[in-house]
Amino acid sequence: MEPLNILIVGCSIAGPTLASFLLLSPLDVRITILERASAPRAEGQNVDVRGVGVSLIRKLGIENLIRASTTGEEGVQMVDTHNRVWAAHAADKTGEVQTPTSDIEILRGRLAQICYLNSVRTSEKAQRDGGPGVEYIFGDYLASVEQDDDQVHVQFAKSKQRRSFDLLVGADGLQSSTRRLVWGEQGEKDRLKQFGVYGAFFSMPPGETDTMWRRWYHAPGRRSVMVRPDKQRNRTTVFMAVANKTDQRLPQVALTGRGKRGAQEQKELMKEYFLDAGWESERICNEMMATDDFYYDIIGQVKMDSWSKGRVVLLGDAG
């Protein structure tokens, strides 16, 4: 019998993790991972590994590596415009109590790198044992998806290659193109629940006021900024968020923001919102305009009646 032929769209955290578990299972599988970016993406916000997530990284044998790659954040301090602390919550280092800062606090890019490299090692072992392992395709994405009772048929957008698989897994995030292609673009406004909140993430050199504590500042006009330590890179990471349901530029630049030109438009819009916000916003805006690891998107959640349709299933934020 031929191996189960599976296409996973998305090479971030969920996709490579699924590939690793499938290779470690008794199933006979051939896996292809398709990623739009030309290489694994290094950017992204902080990720808390909690609960079942800890069980999963233990099963994969990567817990120690992940714990050695944490940001070192000691906790969160709520500060005012004069940088005075009005509330603080320390991280719980035992893992027994959940606080705003997890005892496993890691940047998304580093976690994605660990999961990807672990899938590569697992694939190489599978190949040494005589299996097909994982085929990685970077720099391409799906142009079309069709399916019948027996297979799902796809065409890659850039290579124009047509291929068929037994199963398609969409692990391509909140703005999943797999979800749009299979469930239809028209239903996105109902599936993607938007809260009118938009966020920007980037890193900058640490300043004199930056410590191993996260500092979180709330400004008038439903704006907030937090700065967080990253001891792995000796950087300070920044998350800026604005809540606004009337300014249509905010969702528009999220949809059109691929590439350097789009990122520049997103930066300019965030600068417009935050330059007069007080606290350390002038410094943060200046660093934002100079950074090359900027990321911006809507903050929302996908709500669906079913995560599968025929031979297509969604995984992670995509569903």
Protein backbone atom coordinates (compact mmCIF):
# COMPACT_ATOMS: atom_id res chain seq x y z
CA MET A 1 0.00 0.00 0.00
CA GLU A 2 1.26 3.48 -0.86
CA PRO A 3 2.04 5.87 2.04
CA LEU A 4 -0.61 8.39 2.99
CA ASN A 5 0.33 11.48 0.96
CA ILE A 6 -0.19 14.67 3.03
CA LEU A 7 0.32 18.33 2.12
CA ILE A 8 0.75 20.74 5.04
CA VAL A 9 0.49 24.44 4.16
CA GLY A 10 2.52 26.55 6.58
CA CYS A 11 5.99 26.00 8.05
CA SER A 12 5.70 27.91 11.32
CA ILE A 13 4.83 26.09 14.55
CA ALA A 14 1.74 23.96 13.98
CA GLY A 15 2.79 22.59 10.56
CA PRO A 16 6.24 21.19 11.44
CA THR A 17 4.93 19.96 14.80
CA LEU A 18 2.19 17.97 13.07
CA ALA A 19 4.74 16.59 10.61
CA SER A 20 6.98 15.42 13.47
CA PHE A 21 4.12 13.67 15.27
CA LEU A 22 2.96 11.99 12.05
CA LEU A 23 6.47 10.68 11.38
CA LEU A 24 6.70 9.36 14.94
CA SER A 25 3.31 7.63 14.63
CA PRO A 26 2.72 4.10 13.30
CA LEU A 27 1.26 5.62 10.11
CA ASP A 28 3.07 5.21 6.81
CA VAL A 29 3.15 8.81 5.55
CA ARG A 30 4.73 10.95 2.88
CA ILE A 31 4.62 14.62 3.90
CA THR A 32 5.09 17.83 1.92
CA ILE A 33 5.27 21.20 3.72
CA LEU A 34 4.55 24.28 1.60
CA GLU A 35 5.60 27.73 2.87
CA ARG A 36 4.94 31.07 1.15
CA ALA A 37 8.06 32.71 2.63
CA SER A 38 11.44 31.97 1.07
CA ALA A 39 12.76 30.65 4.41
CA PRO A 40 11.39 29.95 7.90
CA ARG A 41 10.18 33.25 9.34
CA ALA A 42 12.10 34.60 12.31
CA GLU A 43 9.71 37.37 13.39
CA GLY A 44 6.72 37.23 15.71
CA GLN A 45 5.43 38.06 19.15
CA ASN A 46 5.96 36.32 22.48
CA VAL A 47 4.45 32.88 22.92
CA ASP A 48 3.47 31.40 26.29
CA VAL A 49 3.92 27.63 26.39
CA ARG A 50 1.39 26.42 28.94
CA GLY A 51 -0.77 23.42 29.78
CA VAL A 52 -1.04 20.89 26.96
CA GLY A 53 1.71 22.78 25.12
CA VAL A 54 4.19 21.63 27.76
CA SER A 55 3.05 18.02 27.29
CA LEU A 56 3.56 18.32 23.53
CA ILE A 57 7.11 19.70 23.69
CA ARG A 58 7.99 16.95 26.16
CA LYS A 59 6.68 14.28 23.81
CA LEU A 60 8.77 15.78 20.99
CA GLY A 61 11.87 15.87 23.19
CA ILE A 62 12.43 19.62 22.75
CA GLU A 63 11.43 20.91 26.20
CA ASN A 64 15.01 21.53 27.40
CA LEU A 65 15.92 23.35 24.18
CA ILE A 66 12.84 25.56 24.43
CA ARG A 67 13.48 26.33 28.10
CA ALA A 68 17.05 27.31 27.20
CA SER A 69 15.67 29.71 24.56
CA THR A 70 13.23 31.71 26.68
CA THR A 71 13.24 35.51 26.80
CA GLY A 72 14.12 35.76 30.49
CA GLU A 73 11.12 37.95 31.30
CA GLU A 74 10.74 38.38 35.07
CA GLY A 75 7.12 39.53 34.98
CA VAL A 76 4.95 42.45 33.90
CA GLN A 77 4.84 46.00 35.25
CA MET A 78 2.00 48.38 34.42
CA VAL A 79 3.49 51.87 34.10
CA ASP A 80 2.18 55.42 33.65
CA THR A 81 3.44 58.15 31.34
CA HIS A 82 6.24 58.97 33.84
CA ASN A 83 7.30 55.28 33.92
CA ARG A 84 6.02 54.87 37.48
CA VAL A 85 4.92 51.30 38.28
CA TRP A 86 1.33 51.10 39.52
CA ALA A 87 0.94 47.30 39.37
CA ALA A 88 3.30 44.34 38.96
CA HIS A 89 2.92 40.59 38.48
CA ALA A 90 6.03 38.43 38.78
CA ALA A 91 6.51 35.33 36.63
CA ASP A 92 5.92 32.04 38.39
CA LYS A 93 9.05 29.94 37.85
CA THR A 94 7.53 26.72 39.19
CA GLY A 95 5.02 26.26 36.36
CA GLU A 96 2.33 25.56 38.96
CA VAL A 97 0.62 28.97 38.91
CA GLN A 98 -0.30 30.84 35.73
CA THR A 99 0.57 34.55 35.71
CA PRO A 100 0.67 37.00 32.75
CA THR A 101 4.27 35.87 32.16
CA SER A 102 4.57 32.13 31.63
CA ASP A 103 7.51 30.19 33.05
CA ILE A 104 8.14 29.27 29.37
CA GLU A 105 8.10 32.60 27.53
CA ILE A 106 9.66 32.39 24.07
CA LEU A 107 9.56 34.42 20.87
CA ARG A 108 7.45 32.95 18.10
CA GLY A 109 10.32 33.01 15.62
CA ARG A 110 12.63 31.03 17.91
CA LEU A 111 9.89 28.52 18.72
CA ALA A 112 9.13 28.12 15.01
CA GLN A 113 12.83 27.55 14.30
CA ILE A 114 13.05 24.85 16.98
CA CYS A 115 9.91 23.09 15.69
CA TYR A 116 11.13 23.29 12.07
CA LEU A 117 14.61 21.94 12.83
CA ASN A 118 13.09 19.18 14.96
CA SER A 119 10.91 18.15 12.01
CA VAL A 120 14.04 18.10 9.80
CA ARG A 121 15.83 15.81 12.25
CA THR A 122 12.76 13.58 12.55
CA SER A 123 12.47 13.47 8.74
CA GLU A 124 16.14 12.52 8.33
CA LYS A 125 15.73 9.67 10.81
CA ALA A 126 12.63 8.46 8.98
CA GLN A 127 14.57 8.48 5.70
CA ARG A 128 17.43 6.52 7.27
CA ASP A 129 14.83 3.98 8.36
CA GLY A 130 13.60 3.69 4.77
CA GLY A 131 10.66 6.10 4.84
CA PRO A 132 10.02 9.09 2.54
CA GLY A 133 10.32 11.75 5.26
CA VAL A 134 9.34 15.39 4.59
CA GLU A 135 9.65 17.43 1.41
CA TYR A 136 9.95 21.19 2.15
CA ILE A 137 8.91 23.72 -0.49
CA PHE A 138 9.65 27.38 0.32
CA GLY A 139 8.71 30.46 -1.66
CA ASP A 140 5.44 29.18 -3.11
CA TYR A 141 1.77 28.99 -2.20
CA LEU A 142 -1.53 27.49 -3.36
CA ALA A 143 -3.31 29.02 -6.34
CA SER A 144 -6.22 26.56 -6.41
CA VAL A 145 -7.69 23.61 -4.54
CA GLU A 146 -10.13 21.03 -5.89
CA GLN A 147 -11.10 17.72 -4.39
CA ASP A 148 -13.04 14.56 -5.12
CA ASP A 149 -13.83 11.45 -3.12
CA ASP A 150 -10.31 10.07 -3.47
CA GLN A 151 -7.87 13.01 -3.45
CA VAL A 152 -7.39 16.75 -3.16
CA HIS A 153 -5.82 18.38 -6.22
CA VAL A 154 -3.80 21.60 -5.93
CA GLN A 155 -1.83 23.96 -8.14
CA PHE A 156 1.14 25.92 -6.83
CA ALA A 157 1.00 29.61 -7.72
CA LYS A 158 4.61 30.26 -8.71
CA SER A 159 5.84 26.94 -10.09
CA LYS A 160 2.41 26.24 -11.72
CA GLN A 161 2.94 22.63 -10.70
CA ARG A 162 -0.19 20.50 -10.24
CA ARG A 163 -0.13 17.78 -7.59
CA SER A 164 -2.59 15.50 -5.80
CA PHE A 165 -2.64 14.48 -2.14
CA ASP A 166 -4.72 12.27 0.12
CA LEU A 167 -5.04 15.02 2.72
CA LEU A 168 -4.48 18.80 2.83
CA VAL A 169 -3.77 20.51 6.16
CA GLY A 170 -4.06 24.30 6.30
CA ALA A 171 -1.67 25.49 9.03
CA ASP A 172 -1.21 28.93 7.50
CA GLY A 173 -2.40 31.22 10.26
CA LEU A 174 -5.16 33.70 10.95
CA GLN A 175 -5.24 35.01 7.37
CA SER A 176 -5.21 31.43 5.97
CA SER A 177 -5.34 31.26 2.19
CA THR A 178 -6.25 27.57 2.48
CA ARG A 179 -9.41 28.51 4.38
CA ARG A 180 -10.32 31.09 1.74
CA LEU A 181 -9.73 28.74 -1.18
CA VAL A 182 -11.70 25.82 0.29
CA TRP A 183 -14.47 27.52 2.29
CA GLY A 184 -14.80 30.55 0.00
CA GLU A 185 -13.80 34.20 0.21
CA GLN A 186 -17.40 35.36 0.66
CA GLY A 187 -17.76 33.78 4.09
CA GLU A 188 -14.61 35.30 5.56
CA LYS A 189 -16.45 38.23 7.14
CA ASP A 190 -18.49 35.74 9.17
CA ARG A 191 -15.66 33.30 9.97
CA LEU A 192 -12.99 35.82 10.95
CA LYS A 193 -14.26 37.61 14.03
CA GLN A 194 -12.57 40.99 14.27
CA PHE A 195 -12.46 42.97 17.50
CA GLY A 196 -11.48 46.31 15.99
CA VAL A 197 -7.98 45.90 17.43
CA TYR A 198 -4.76 46.06 15.39
CA GLY A 199 -1.25 45.27 16.51
CA ALA A 200 2.33 45.88 15.41
CA PHE A 201 5.34 43.90 16.62
CA PHE A 202 9.06 44.54 16.16
CA SER A 203 12.36 44.59 18.05
CA MET A 204 14.79 47.37 18.88
CA PRO A 205 18.08 47.87 20.76
CA PRO A 206 17.61 47.92 24.55
CA GLY A 207 17.55 51.37 26.18
CA GLU A 208 18.48 52.66 29.62
CA THR A 209 14.98 52.15 31.00
CA ASP A 210 14.56 48.61 29.66
CA THR A 211 14.90 45.80 32.20
CA MET A 212 14.11 42.10 32.34
CA TRP A 213 10.54 43.07 33.23
CA ARG A 214 7.85 43.67 30.63
CA ARG A 215 6.58 47.25 30.86
CA TRP A 216 3.03 47.91 29.68
CA TYR A 217 1.78 51.43 29.09
CA HIS A 218 -1.83 52.38 28.30
CA ALA A 219 -2.34 55.71 26.52
CA PRO A 220 -5.52 57.74 25.97
CA GLY A 221 -7.44 56.91 22.80
CA ARG A 222 -7.51 53.12 23.31
CA ARG A 223 -3.79 52.74 22.60
CA SER A 224 -1.26 50.58 24.42
CA VAL A 225 2.44 49.77 24.14
CA MET A 226 4.47 47.07 25.81
CA VAL A 227 8.22 46.52 25.73
CA ARG A 228 9.66 43.13 26.63
CA PRO A 229 13.14 41.68 27.10
CA ASP A 230 14.79 39.19 24.76
CA LYS A 231 17.96 37.99 26.45
CA GLN A 232 18.71 35.58 23.60
CA ARG A 233 19.41 38.44 21.17
CA ASN A 234 20.03 41.28 23.63
CA ARG A 235 17.07 43.07 22.09
CA THR A 236 13.89 44.69 23.36
CA THR A 237 10.68 43.58 21.68
CA VAL A 238 7.75 45.95 21.23
CA PHE A 239 4.03 45.37 20.81
CA MET A 240 1.80 48.34 19.91
CA ALA A 241 -1.97 47.94 19.80
CA VAL A 242 -4.79 50.30 18.88
CA ALA A 243 -8.54 49.71 19.19
CA ASN A 244 -10.54 51.53 16.52
CA LYS A 245 -13.59 50.30 14.60
CA THR A 246 -14.01 53.32 12.33
CA ASP A 247 -10.63 53.95 10.68
CA GLN A 248 -10.75 51.71 7.61
CA ARG A 249 -7.04 52.21 6.98
CA LEU A 250 -6.25 49.88 9.88
CA PRO A 251 -7.79 46.71 8.35
CA GLN A 252 -6.85 47.76 4.82
CA VAL A 253 -3.10 47.89 5.42
CA ALA A 254 -3.30 44.49 7.11
CA LEU A 255 -4.63 43.00 3.86
CA THR A 256 -2.28 44.83 1.49
CA GLY A 257 0.83 44.84 3.64
CA ARG A 258 3.01 42.17 2.04
CA GLY A 259 6.48 43.32 1.07
CA LYS A 260 8.56 46.37 1.99
CA ARG A 261 6.12 48.91 0.57
CA GLY A 262 3.24 47.47 2.57
CA ALA A 263 5.30 47.38 5.76
CA GLN A 264 6.24 51.03 5.25
CA GLU A 265 2.56 52.00 4.98
CA GLN A 266 1.83 50.04 8.16
CA LYS A 267 4.69 51.75 10.00
CA GLU A 268 3.54 55.20 8.91
CA LEU A 269 0.03 54.49 10.16
CA MET A 270 1.28 53.22 13.54
CA LYS A 271 3.55 56.27 13.85
CA GLU A 272 0.55 58.52 13.23
CA TYR A 273 -1.34 56.81 16.04
CA PHE A 274 1.46 56.62 18.61
CA LEU A 275 3.89 59.52 18.17
CA ASP A 276 1.89 61.69 20.62
CA ALA A 277 0.97 58.85 23.00
CA GLY A 278 3.40 59.90 25.74
CA TRP A 279 5.75 57.76 27.84
CA GLU A 280 8.56 56.50 25.52
CA SER A 281 6.51 56.59 22.34
CA GLU A 282 8.83 58.95 20.46
CA ARG A 283 11.79 56.61 20.95
CA ILE A 284 9.67 53.58 20.08
CA CYS A 285 8.29 55.16 16.89
CA ASN A 286 11.76 56.16 15.74
CA GLU A 287 13.05 52.61 16.29
CA MET A 288 9.98 51.17 14.55
CA MET A 289 10.70 53.17 11.40
CA ALA A 290 14.26 51.79 11.32
CA THR A 291 13.58 48.14 12.15
CA ASP A 292 13.58 45.35 9.57
CA ASP A 293 11.59 42.76 11.57
CA PHE A 294 8.27 44.62 11.63
CA TYR A 295 4.99 42.70 11.62
CA TYR A 296 1.43 44.06 11.64
CA ASP A 297 -1.99 42.40 11.56
CA ILE A 298 -5.53 42.46 12.84
CA ILE A 299 -6.23 40.86 16.20
CA GLY A 300 -9.08 38.42 15.76
CA GLN A 301 -10.27 34.86 16.05
CA VAL A 302 -11.60 32.33 13.57
CA LYS A 303 -14.98 30.79 14.45
CA MET A 304 -16.20 27.89 12.30
CA ASP A 305 -18.83 25.18 12.58
CA SER A 306 -16.33 22.62 11.32
CA TRP A 307 -12.55 22.58 10.89
CA SER A 308 -12.69 20.08 8.04
CA LYS A 309 -14.27 19.88 4.60
CA GLY A 310 -13.81 16.69 2.65
CA ARG A 311 -10.08 15.95 2.56
CA VAL A 312 -9.07 19.39 3.87
CA VAL A 313 -8.57 20.22 7.54
CA LEU A 314 -7.46 23.41 9.31
CA LEU A 315 -4.91 23.47 12.14
CA GLY A 316 -3.93 26.15 14.65
CA ASP A 317 -4.86 29.80 14.09
CA ALA A 318 -6.19 28.98 10.61
CA GLY A 319 -9.19 27.33 12.24
